Amino acid sequence: MNINRYRRLAARIIRMANPSFRVNILTLLEKSAIFTWHLNLIRKAIPDFSIKGKRILEIGTGFSFSMAGIWWVMGAKEIVTVDIAPLALPDYHKHIFYKWKTVRYLLDILDGSYDKLEALVAEKEDVQKYLKLVNTNYFAPFDIVTDDYSRLGEFDFIHSNCVLEHVYSENLIKFPDILNKLSRGVQCHFVGFKDHGNTEPYESFKYSLSHDLVFRKTLYGNYINRLRISDIKNLFNGETIYEAYSDTSLLPETIHSDFQKYNNKDLCSDGLGFIVVNK
């Protein structure tokens, strides 16, 4: 199985222009392409991995419930999705069905049902009926560190995509213990490390760690904690299924002394995917 093929497919679909909205609402098509890539990487480590019958926790809902819908199409039993901010507004729901029919080309890989996919589309005008159909509970605002996470129960699969880089570092160090308590199966996390919303992907390394307080107040959704691949690996102690670095020529000429403990390769962390198996 050519993993890079699905990675390229995901990237190509994500680049598709959708002029009908401005916020970053990932559609059923985009989320299915992304998870096709994730699924194939997971199966390199766990060949018989399946979503069927699983109780799933999504950390970081974002602007839509696309991922919950895809997992339901794949046979998930129940989905809980949480976000620190209530971004998934009802008005955004109809946009997730943009070019939805193209998802059928991924259903064989996802072990999904076309009948279920059509059932999703039948609820494109009513997000509450959609959530009931896909057996999904949404909690937002919900902070997995400060709120009572024990009321969520235990999960067979925990997933996050481009979330951990946004978590304040003093909170992120608590994630492994919390997630290990919530998990009775597999965790899968993908992390992006470039500066978000910035044409210079590593410009933030010009600034000190204390400048982080300014970033928290001014960058909002584009805030990143500036941890590197080495930090995440040491923190979670999972099994790496994907690892990528950018060219060191992208680094700024001056690196603040607070970050000179990293070598140039680590500073140019681009992406990391890892799993944690809890038995």
C-alpha atoms as a PDB file:
ATOM      1  CA  MET A   1       0.000   0.000   0.000  1.00  0.00           C
ATOM      2  CA  ASN A   2       1.453   3.359  -1.076  1.00  0.00           C
ATOM      3  CA  ILE A   3       1.087   5.641   1.954  1.00  0.00           C
ATOM      4  CA  ASN A   4       2.483   8.647   0.062  1.00  0.00           C
ATOM      5  CA  ARG A   5      -0.316   8.304  -2.478  1.00  0.00           C
ATOM      6  CA  TYR A   6      -2.905   8.994   0.209  1.00  0.00           C
ATOM      7  CA  ARG A   7      -0.838  11.754   1.737  1.00  0.00           C
ATOM      8  CA  ARG A   8      -0.706  13.491  -1.667  1.00  0.00           C
ATOM      9  CA  LEU A   9      -4.429  12.927  -2.116  1.00  0.00           C
ATOM     10  CA  ALA A  10      -5.160  14.556   1.233  1.00  0.00           C
ATOM     11  CA  ALA A  11      -2.931  17.526   0.424  1.00  0.00           C
ATOM     12  CA  ARG A  12      -4.511  17.979  -3.014  1.00  0.00           C
ATOM     13  CA  ILE A  13      -8.051  17.925  -1.660  1.00  0.00           C
ATOM     14  CA  ILE A  14      -7.210  20.350   1.137  1.00  0.00           C
ATOM     15  CA  ARG A  15      -5.892  22.806  -1.472  1.00  0.00           C
ATOM     16  CA  MET A  16      -9.217  22.771  -3.337  1.00  0.00           C
ATOM     17  CA  ALA A  17     -10.722  26.256  -3.391  1.00  0.00           C
ATOM     18  CA  ASN A  18     -14.064  26.569  -1.664  1.00  0.00           C
ATOM     19  CA  PRO A  19     -15.240  30.179  -2.052  1.00  0.00           C
ATOM     20  CA  SER A  20     -18.481  29.684  -0.124  1.00  0.00           C
ATOM     21  CA  PHE A  21     -16.919  30.449   3.272  1.00  0.00           C
ATOM     22  CA  ARG A  22     -13.876  32.117   4.801  1.00  0.00           C
ATOM     23  CA  VAL A  23     -13.280  30.317   8.078  1.00  0.00           C
ATOM     24  CA  ASN A  24     -11.359  27.049   8.041  1.00  0.00           C
ATOM     25  CA  ILE A  25     -14.285  24.633   7.887  1.00  0.00           C
ATOM     26  CA  LEU A  26     -12.956  21.238   6.865  1.00  0.00           C
ATOM     27  CA  THR A  27     -15.559  19.378   4.826  1.00  0.00           C
ATOM     28  CA  LEU A  28     -16.510  15.702   4.820  1.00  0.00           C
ATOM     29  CA  LEU A  29     -14.332  15.341   1.735  1.00  0.00           C
ATOM     30  CA  GLU A  30     -11.300  16.981   3.310  1.00  0.00           C
ATOM     31  CA  LYS A  31     -11.631  15.152   6.622  1.00  0.00           C
ATOM     32  CA  SER A  32     -12.099  11.788   4.882  1.00  0.00           C
ATOM     33  CA  ALA A  33      -8.955  12.390   2.819  1.00  0.00           C
ATOM     34  CA  ILE A  34      -6.963  13.361   5.915  1.00  0.00           C
ATOM     35  CA  PHE A  35      -8.175  10.377   7.886  1.00  0.00           C
ATOM     36  CA  THR A  36      -7.485   8.047   4.948  1.00  0.00           C
ATOM     37  CA  TRP A  37      -3.857   9.066   5.317  1.00  0.00           C
ATOM     38  CA  HIS A  38      -3.945   8.727   9.107  1.00  0.00           C
ATOM     39  CA  LEU A  39      -5.644   5.326   8.889  1.00  0.00           C
ATOM     40  CA  ASN A  40      -3.054   3.890   6.562  1.00  0.00           C
ATOM     41  CA  LEU A  41      -0.232   5.137   8.786  1.00  0.00           C
ATOM     42  CA  ILE A  42      -1.914   3.610  11.843  1.00  0.00           C
ATOM     43  CA  ARG A  43      -2.306   0.304  10.021  1.00  0.00           C
ATOM     44  CA  LYS A  44       1.399   0.150   9.314  1.00  0.00           C
ATOM     45  CA  ALA A  45       1.813  -0.199  13.084  1.00  0.00           C
ATOM     46  CA  ILE A  46      -1.492  -1.984  13.844  1.00  0.00           C
ATOM     47  CA  PRO A  47      -2.514  -3.912  10.696  1.00  0.00           C
ATOM     48  CA  ASP A  48      -5.974  -4.939  11.920  1.00  0.00           C
ATOM     49  CA  PHE A  49      -6.967  -1.504  13.249  1.00  0.00           C
ATOM     50  CA  SER A  50     -10.606  -0.597  12.583  1.00  0.00           C
ATOM     51  CA  ILE A  51     -13.048   2.118  13.646  1.00  0.00           C
ATOM     52  CA  LYS A  52     -15.996  -0.280  13.693  1.00  0.00           C
ATOM     53  CA  GLY A  53     -17.746  -0.524  17.058  1.00  0.00           C
ATOM     54  CA  LYS A  54     -15.409   1.948  18.749  1.00  0.00           C
ATOM     55  CA  ARG A  55     -16.203   4.691  21.227  1.00  0.00           C
ATOM     56  CA  ILE A  56     -14.164   7.680  20.026  1.00  0.00           C
ATOM     57  CA  LEU A  57     -12.909  10.921  21.554  1.00  0.00           C
ATOM     58  CA  GLU A  58     -11.995  13.756  19.205  1.00  0.00           C
ATOM     59  CA  ILE A  59      -9.853  16.452  20.807  1.00  0.00           C
ATOM     60  CA  GLY A  60     -10.323  19.710  18.931  1.00  0.00           C
ATOM     61  CA  THR A  61     -13.645  19.773  17.089  1.00  0.00           C
ATOM     62  CA  GLY A  62     -12.869  22.901  15.116  1.00  0.00           C
ATOM     63  CA  PHE A  63     -15.557  24.538  12.999  1.00  0.00           C
ATOM     64  CA  SER A  64     -17.518  21.448  11.999  1.00  0.00           C
ATOM     65  CA  PHE A  65     -18.544  17.908  12.860  1.00  0.00           C
ATOM     66  CA  SER A  66     -17.127  16.433   9.664  1.00  0.00           C
ATOM     67  CA  MET A  67     -14.880  13.938  11.411  1.00  0.00           C
ATOM     68  CA  ALA A  68     -17.706  12.599  13.557  1.00  0.00           C
ATOM     69  CA  GLY A  69     -19.709  11.990  10.406  1.00  0.00           C
ATOM     70  CA  ILE A  70     -16.872  10.124   8.699  1.00  0.00           C
ATOM     71  CA  TRP A  71     -16.272   7.915  11.740  1.00  0.00           C
ATOM     72  CA  TRP A  72     -19.987   7.093  11.877  1.00  0.00           C
ATOM     73  CA  VAL A  73     -19.898   6.160   8.196  1.00  0.00           C
ATOM     74  CA  MET A  74     -16.971   3.887   9.118  1.00  0.00           C
ATOM     75  CA  GLY A  75     -19.011   2.133  11.807  1.00  0.00           C
ATOM     76  CA  ALA A  76     -18.101   3.965  15.033  1.00  0.00           C
ATOM     77  CA  LYS A  77     -20.417   3.215  17.950  1.00  0.00           C
ATOM     78  CA  GLU A  78     -20.295   6.618  19.654  1.00  0.00           C
ATOM     79  CA  ILE A  79     -18.310   9.831  19.288  1.00  0.00           C
ATOM     80  CA  VAL A  80     -17.504  12.514  21.865  1.00  0.00           C
ATOM     81  CA  THR A  81     -15.919  15.664  20.482  1.00  0.00           C
ATOM     82  CA  VAL A  82     -14.510  18.455  22.664  1.00  0.00           C
ATOM     83  CA  ASP A  83     -13.042  21.878  22.022  1.00  0.00           C
ATOM     84  CA  ILE A  84     -11.747  24.644  24.238  1.00  0.00           C
ATOM     85  CA  ALA A  85     -13.853  27.077  22.181  1.00  0.00           C
ATOM     86  CA  PRO A  86     -17.377  26.582  20.749  1.00  0.00           C
ATOM     87  CA  LEU A  87     -16.385  27.139  17.129  1.00  0.00           C
ATOM     88  CA  ALA A  88     -18.775  24.701  15.427  1.00  0.00           C
ATOM     89  CA  LEU A  89     -21.651  27.097  14.821  1.00  0.00           C
ATOM     90  CA  PRO A  90     -24.923  25.802  13.307  1.00  0.00           C
ATOM     91  CA  ASP A  91     -24.556  28.157  10.329  1.00  0.00           C
ATOM     92  CA  TYR A  92     -21.337  26.411   9.312  1.00  0.00           C
ATOM     93  CA  HIS A  93     -22.892  22.953   9.102  1.00  0.00           C
ATOM     94  CA  LYS A  94     -24.177  23.071   5.536  1.00  0.00           C
ATOM     95  CA  HIS A  95     -20.705  23.851   4.207  1.00  0.00           C
ATOM     96  CA  ILE A  96     -19.267  20.453   5.179  1.00  0.00           C
ATOM     97  CA  PHE A  97     -21.147  18.818   2.294  1.00  0.00           C
ATOM     98  CA  TYR A  98     -19.167  20.637  -0.399  1.00  0.00           C
ATOM     99  CA  LYS A  99     -18.406  18.056  -3.150  1.00  0.00           C
ATOM    100  CA  TRP A 100     -19.490  15.294  -0.769  1.00  0.00           C
ATOM    101  CA  LYS A 101     -20.052  12.724  -3.539  1.00  0.00           C
ATOM    102  CA  THR A 102     -16.294  12.525  -4.100  1.00  0.00           C
ATOM    103  CA  VAL A 103     -15.991  10.855  -0.678  1.00  0.00           C
ATOM    104  CA  ARG A 104     -17.270   7.631  -2.267  1.00  0.00           C
ATOM    105  CA  TYR A 105     -13.860   7.108  -3.873  1.00  0.00           C
ATOM    106  CA  LEU A 106     -12.343   6.758  -0.389  1.00  0.00           C
ATOM    107  CA  LEU A 107     -14.993   4.527   1.177  1.00  0.00           C
ATOM    108  CA  ASP A 108     -13.260   1.256   0.264  1.00  0.00           C
ATOM    109  CA  ILE A 109     -10.132   2.371   2.095  1.00  0.00           C
ATOM    110  CA  LEU A 110     -12.146   3.708   5.018  1.00  0.00           C
ATOM    111  CA  ASP A 111     -14.353   0.589   5.178  1.00  0.00           C
ATOM    112  CA  GLY A 112     -17.276   2.991   4.983  1.00  0.00           C
ATOM    113  CA  SER A 113     -20.903   2.700   3.885  1.00  0.00           C
ATOM    114  CA  TYR A 114     -22.284   4.763   0.997  1.00  0.00           C
ATOM    115  CA  ASP A 115     -25.807   4.377   2.394  1.00  0.00           C
ATOM    116  CA  LYS A 116     -24.631   5.979   5.633  1.00  0.00           C
ATOM    117  CA  LEU A 117     -22.909   8.753   3.678  1.00  0.00           C
ATOM    118  CA  GLU A 118     -26.190   9.546   1.934  1.00  0.00           C
ATOM    119  CA  ALA A 119     -27.931   9.519   5.312  1.00  0.00           C
ATOM    120  CA  LEU A 120     -25.525  12.231   6.481  1.00  0.00           C
ATOM    121  CA  VAL A 121     -26.410  14.409   3.525  1.00  0.00           C
ATOM    122  CA  ALA A 122     -30.107  14.084   4.341  1.00  0.00           C
ATOM    123  CA  GLU A 123     -29.383  16.074   7.528  1.00  0.00           C
ATOM    124  CA  LYS A 124     -27.436  18.897   5.871  1.00  0.00           C
ATOM    125  CA  GLU A 125     -29.945  21.529   7.031  1.00  0.00           C
ATOM    126  CA  ASP A 126     -30.168  20.497  10.694  1.00  0.00           C
ATOM    127  CA  VAL A 127     -26.982  20.053  12.719  1.00  0.00           C
ATOM    128  CA  GLN A 128     -28.829  18.696  15.777  1.00  0.00           C
ATOM    129  CA  LYS A 129     -30.436  15.908  13.752  1.00  0.00           C
ATOM    130  CA  TYR A 130     -27.028  15.224  12.205  1.00  0.00           C
ATOM    131  CA  LEU A 131     -25.406  14.876  15.634  1.00  0.00           C
ATOM    132  CA  LYS A 132     -28.186  12.588  16.819  1.00  0.00           C
ATOM    133  CA  LEU A 133     -27.832  10.452  13.687  1.00  0.00           C
ATOM    134  CA  VAL A 134     -24.098   9.981  14.150  1.00  0.00           C
ATOM    135  CA  ASN A 135     -24.458   9.468  17.937  1.00  0.00           C
ATOM    136  CA  THR A 136     -22.156  12.360  18.782  1.00  0.00           C
ATOM    137  CA  ASN A 137     -21.959  14.482  21.933  1.00  0.00           C
ATOM    138  CA  TYR A 138     -20.310  17.895  21.663  1.00  0.00           C
ATOM    139  CA  PHE A 139     -18.729  19.642  24.644  1.00  0.00           C
ATOM    140  CA  ALA A 140     -17.500  23.208  24.140  1.00  0.00           C
ATOM    141  CA  PRO A 141     -16.058  25.129  25.754  1.00  0.00           C
ATOM    142  CA  PHE A 142     -14.298  22.206  27.383  1.00  0.00           C
ATOM    143  CA  ASP A 143     -10.736  22.248  28.693  1.00  0.00           C
ATOM    144  CA  ILE A 144      -9.499  18.690  29.113  1.00  0.00           C
ATOM    145  CA  VAL A 145      -6.989  19.852  31.745  1.00  0.00           C
ATOM    146  CA  THR A 146      -9.150  22.050  33.975  1.00  0.00           C
ATOM    147  CA  ASP A 147     -12.616  20.538  33.433  1.00  0.00           C
ATOM    148  CA  ASP A 148     -13.798  17.205  34.831  1.00  0.00           C
ATOM    149  CA  TYR A 149     -12.584  14.895  32.076  1.00  0.00           C
ATOM    150  CA  SER A 150     -13.616  11.787  34.041  1.00  0.00           C
ATOM    151  CA  ARG A 151     -17.270  12.406  33.133  1.00  0.00           C
ATOM    152  CA  LEU A 152     -16.409  11.688  29.509  1.00  0.00           C
ATOM    153  CA  GLY A 153     -15.824   8.003  30.252  1.00  0.00           C
ATOM    154  CA  GLU A 154     -13.312   5.698  28.556  1.00  0.00           C
ATOM    155  CA  PHE A 155     -12.544   5.470  24.843  1.00  0.00           C
ATOM    156  CA  ASP A 156     -11.350   2.856  22.373  1.00  0.00           C
ATOM    157  CA  PHE A 157      -9.825   5.515  20.105  1.00  0.00           C
ATOM    158  CA  ILE A 158      -8.632   9.057  20.870  1.00  0.00           C
ATOM    159  CA  HIS A 159      -7.682  11.337  17.985  1.00  0.00           C
ATOM    160  CA  SER A 160      -6.337  14.847  17.527  1.00  0.00           C
ATOM    161  CA  ASN A 161      -5.161  16.589  14.377  1.00  0.00           C
ATOM    162  CA  CYS A 162      -3.192  19.862  14.491  1.00  0.00           C
ATOM    163  CA  VAL A 163      -4.286  20.527  18.071  1.00  0.00           C
ATOM    164  CA  LEU A 164      -1.386  19.798  20.428  1.00  0.00           C
ATOM    165  CA  GLU A 165       0.739  22.622  19.010  1.00  0.00           C
ATOM    166  CA  HIS A 166      -1.922  25.122  20.173  1.00  0.00           C
ATOM    167  CA  VAL A 167      -2.008  23.950  23.794  1.00  0.00           C
ATOM    168  CA  TYR A 168      -0.113  26.010  26.358  1.00  0.00           C
ATOM    169  CA  SER A 169       3.007  24.052  27.274  1.00  0.00           C
ATOM    170  CA  GLU A 170       2.199  24.049  31.003  1.00  0.00           C
ATOM    171  CA  ASN A 171      -1.095  22.356  30.149  1.00  0.00           C
ATOM    172  CA  LEU A 172       0.283  20.024  27.498  1.00  0.00           C
ATOM    173  CA  ILE A 173       2.611  18.335  30.000  1.00  0.00           C
ATOM    174  CA  LYS A 174      -0.544  17.083  31.743  1.00  0.00           C
ATOM    175  CA  PHE A 175      -2.044  15.582  28.581  1.00  0.00           C
ATOM    176  CA  PRO A 176      -0.263  12.205  28.563  1.00  0.00           C
ATOM    177  CA  ASP A 177      -1.494  11.242  32.029  1.00  0.00           C
ATOM    178  CA  ILE A 178      -5.043  12.451  31.348  1.00  0.00           C
ATOM    179  CA  LEU A 179      -5.306  10.749  27.967  1.00  0.00           C
ATOM    180  CA  ASN A 180      -3.862   7.499  29.307  1.00  0.00           C
ATOM    181  CA  LYS A 181      -6.639   7.486  31.907  1.00  0.00           C
ATOM    182  CA  LEU A 182      -9.286   8.115  29.247  1.00  0.00           C
ATOM    183  CA  SER A 183      -7.947   5.549  26.798  1.00  0.00           C
ATOM    184  CA  ARG A 184      -8.610   1.820  26.803  1.00  0.00           C
ATOM    185  CA  GLY A 185      -7.295   1.355  23.270  1.00  0.00           C
ATOM    186  CA  VAL A 186      -5.358   3.485  20.777  1.00  0.00           C
ATOM    187  CA  GLN A 187      -4.496   7.177  20.709  1.00  0.00           C
ATOM    188  CA  CYS A 188      -3.452   8.870  17.465  1.00  0.00           C
ATOM    189  CA  HIS A 189      -2.139  12.431  17.351  1.00  0.00           C
ATOM    190  CA  PHE A 190      -0.839  14.542  14.481  1.00  0.00           C
ATOM    191  CA  VAL A 191       1.030  17.758  15.253  1.00  0.00           C
ATOM    192  CA  GLY A 192       1.975  20.680  12.998  1.00  0.00           C
ATOM    193  CA  PHE A 193       4.953  22.807  14.012  1.00  0.00           C
ATOM    194  CA  LYS A 194       5.215  25.736  11.611  1.00  0.00           C
ATOM    195  CA  ASP A 195       4.058  29.190  12.679  1.00  0.00           C
ATOM    196  CA  HIS A 196       0.374  29.379  11.781  1.00  0.00           C
ATOM    197  CA  GLY A 197      -0.832  32.201   9.557  1.00  0.00           C
ATOM    198  CA  ASN A 198       2.701  33.449   8.919  1.00  0.00           C
ATOM    199  CA  THR A 199       4.559  33.606   5.611  1.00  0.00           C
ATOM    200  CA  GLU A 200       7.799  32.958   7.532  1.00  0.00           C
ATOM    201  CA  PRO A 201       7.213  29.497   9.040  1.00  0.00           C
ATOM    202  CA  TYR A 202       9.718  29.812  11.895  1.00  0.00           C
ATOM    203  CA  GLU A 203       9.775  33.551  12.575  1.00  0.00           C
ATOM    204  CA  SER A 204       8.646  33.055  16.190  1.00  0.00           C
ATOM    205  CA  PHE A 205      12.114  31.758  17.089  1.00  0.00           C
ATOM    206  CA  LYS A 206      13.337  35.348  16.931  1.00  0.00           C
ATOM    207  CA  TYR A 207      11.489  35.965  20.186  1.00  0.00           C
ATOM    208  CA  SER A 208      12.124  34.826  23.749  1.00  0.00           C
ATOM    209  CA  LEU A 209      10.057  32.307  25.694  1.00  0.00           C
ATOM    210  CA  SER A 210       8.739  35.185  27.818  1.00  0.00           C
ATOM    211  CA  HIS A 211       7.310  36.694  24.625  1.00  0.00           C
ATOM    212  CA  ASP A 212       4.888  33.766  24.652  1.00  0.00           C
ATOM    213  CA  LEU A 213       2.585  35.848  26.860  1.00  0.00           C
ATOM    214  CA  VAL A 214       2.298  38.374  24.031  1.00  0.00           C
ATOM    215  CA  PHE A 215       1.584  35.622  21.499  1.00  0.00           C
ATOM    216  CA  ARG A 216      -1.219  34.272  23.697  1.00  0.00           C
ATOM    217  CA  LYS A 217      -2.935  37.667  23.758  1.00  0.00           C
ATOM    218  CA  THR A 218      -2.466  38.606  20.093  1.00  0.00           C
ATOM    219  CA  LEU A 219      -2.397  35.452  17.948  1.00  0.00           C
ATOM    220  CA  TYR A 220      -5.573  33.743  19.190  1.00  0.00           C
ATOM    221  CA  GLY A 221      -6.193  30.717  16.931  1.00  0.00           C
ATOM    222  CA  ASN A 222      -2.772  31.101  15.314  1.00  0.00           C
ATOM    223  CA  TYR A 223      -0.930  30.719  18.627  1.00  0.00           C
ATOM    224  CA  ILE A 224       1.544  27.825  18.795  1.00  0.00           C
ATOM    225  CA  ASN A 225       3.555  26.693  21.816  1.00  0.00           C
ATOM    226  CA  ARG A 226       6.846  26.411  19.851  1.00  0.00           C
ATOM    227  CA  LEU A 227       7.607  22.933  21.174  1.00  0.00           C
ATOM    228  CA  ARG A 228       9.569  20.770  18.732  1.00  0.00           C
ATOM    229  CA  ILE A 229       9.373  17.152  17.609  1.00  0.00           C
ATOM    230  CA  SER A 230      11.927  16.139  20.238  1.00  0.00           C
ATOM    231  CA  ASP A 231       9.779  17.721  22.977  1.00  0.00           C
ATOM    232  CA  ILE A 232       6.597  15.942  21.896  1.00  0.00           C
ATOM    233  CA  LYS A 233       8.379  12.596  21.603  1.00  0.00           C
ATOM    234  CA  ASN A 234       9.841  12.936  25.098  1.00  0.00           C
ATOM    235  CA  LEU A 235       6.504  14.013  26.539  1.00  0.00           C
ATOM    236  CA  PHE A 236       4.240  11.325  25.065  1.00  0.00           C
ATOM    237  CA  ASN A 237       6.608   8.395  24.577  1.00  0.00           C
ATOM    238  CA  GLY A 238       4.484   7.033  21.725  1.00  0.00           C
ATOM    239  CA  GLU A 239       5.310   5.174  18.518  1.00  0.00           C
ATOM    240  CA  THR A 240       6.135   7.516  15.634  1.00  0.00           C
ATOM    241  CA  ILE A 241       4.187   6.803  12.445  1.00  0.00           C
ATOM    242  CA  TYR A 242       5.060  10.010  10.575  1.00  0.00           C
ATOM    243  CA  GLU A 243       7.875  12.545  10.903  1.00  0.00           C
ATOM    244  CA  ALA A 244       8.832  15.469   8.673  1.00  0.00           C
ATOM    245  CA  TYR A 245      11.245  18.388   8.749  1.00  0.00           C
ATOM    246  CA  SER A 246      11.522  21.514   6.623  1.00  0.00           C
ATOM    247  CA  ASP A 247      14.676  22.842   4.974  1.00  0.00           C
ATOM    248  CA  THR A 248      16.901  24.727   7.419  1.00  0.00           C
ATOM    249  CA  SER A 249      17.102  27.629   4.951  1.00  0.00           C
ATOM    250  CA  LEU A 250      13.647  28.633   6.211  1.00  0.00           C
ATOM    251  CA  LEU A 251      15.019  29.531   9.652  1.00  0.00           C
ATOM    252  CA  PRO A 252      15.425  33.220  10.497  1.00  0.00           C
ATOM    253  CA  GLU A 253      18.972  34.569  10.548  1.00  0.00           C
ATOM    254  CA  THR A 254      18.808  35.169  14.290  1.00  0.00           C
ATOM    255  CA  ILE A 255      17.548  32.525  16.725  1.00  0.00           C
ATOM    256  CA  HIS A 256      16.820  33.702  20.251  1.00  0.00           C
ATOM    257  CA  SER A 257      19.085  32.127  22.866  1.00  0.00           C
ATOM    258  CA  ASP A 258      16.061  30.450  24.491  1.00  0.00           C
ATOM    259  CA  PHE A 259      15.871  28.116  21.484  1.00  0.00           C
ATOM    260  CA  GLN A 260      19.530  27.492  20.836  1.00  0.00           C
ATOM    261  CA  LYS A 261      19.301  24.223  22.774  1.00  0.00           C
ATOM    262  CA  TYR A 262      17.715  22.741  19.629  1.00  0.00           C
ATOM    263  CA  ASN A 263      19.719  21.774  16.578  1.00  0.00           C
ATOM    264  CA  ASN A 264      18.641  23.240  13.248  1.00  0.00           C
ATOM    265  CA  LYS A 265      16.858  20.083  12.157  1.00  0.00           C
ATOM    266  CA  ASP A 266      14.693  20.052  15.269  1.00  0.00           C
ATOM    267  CA  LEU A 267      13.967  23.760  14.935  1.00  0.00           C
ATOM    268  CA  CYS A 268      12.639  22.978  11.458  1.00  0.00           C
ATOM    269  CA  SER A 269      10.122  20.467  12.761  1.00  0.00           C
ATOM    270  CA  ASP A 270       7.266  20.284  10.277  1.00  0.00           C
ATOM    271  CA  GLY A 271       4.944  17.409  11.211  1.00  0.00           C
ATOM    272  CA  LEU A 272       4.720  14.474  13.600  1.00  0.00           C
ATOM    273  CA  GLY A 273       2.220  11.642  13.815  1.00  0.00           C
ATOM    274  CA  PHE A 274       2.341   9.134  16.669  1.00  0.00           C
ATOM    275  CA  ILE A 275       0.223   6.520  18.360  1.00  0.00           C
ATOM    276  CA  VAL A 276      -0.042   5.431  21.973  1.00  0.00           C
ATOM    277  CA  VAL A 277      -1.473   1.994  22.745  1.00  0.00           C
ATOM    278  CA  ASN A 278      -3.187   1.620  26.116  1.00  0.00           C
ATOM    279  CA  LYS A 279      -4.067  -1.895  27.217  1.00  0.00           C
END
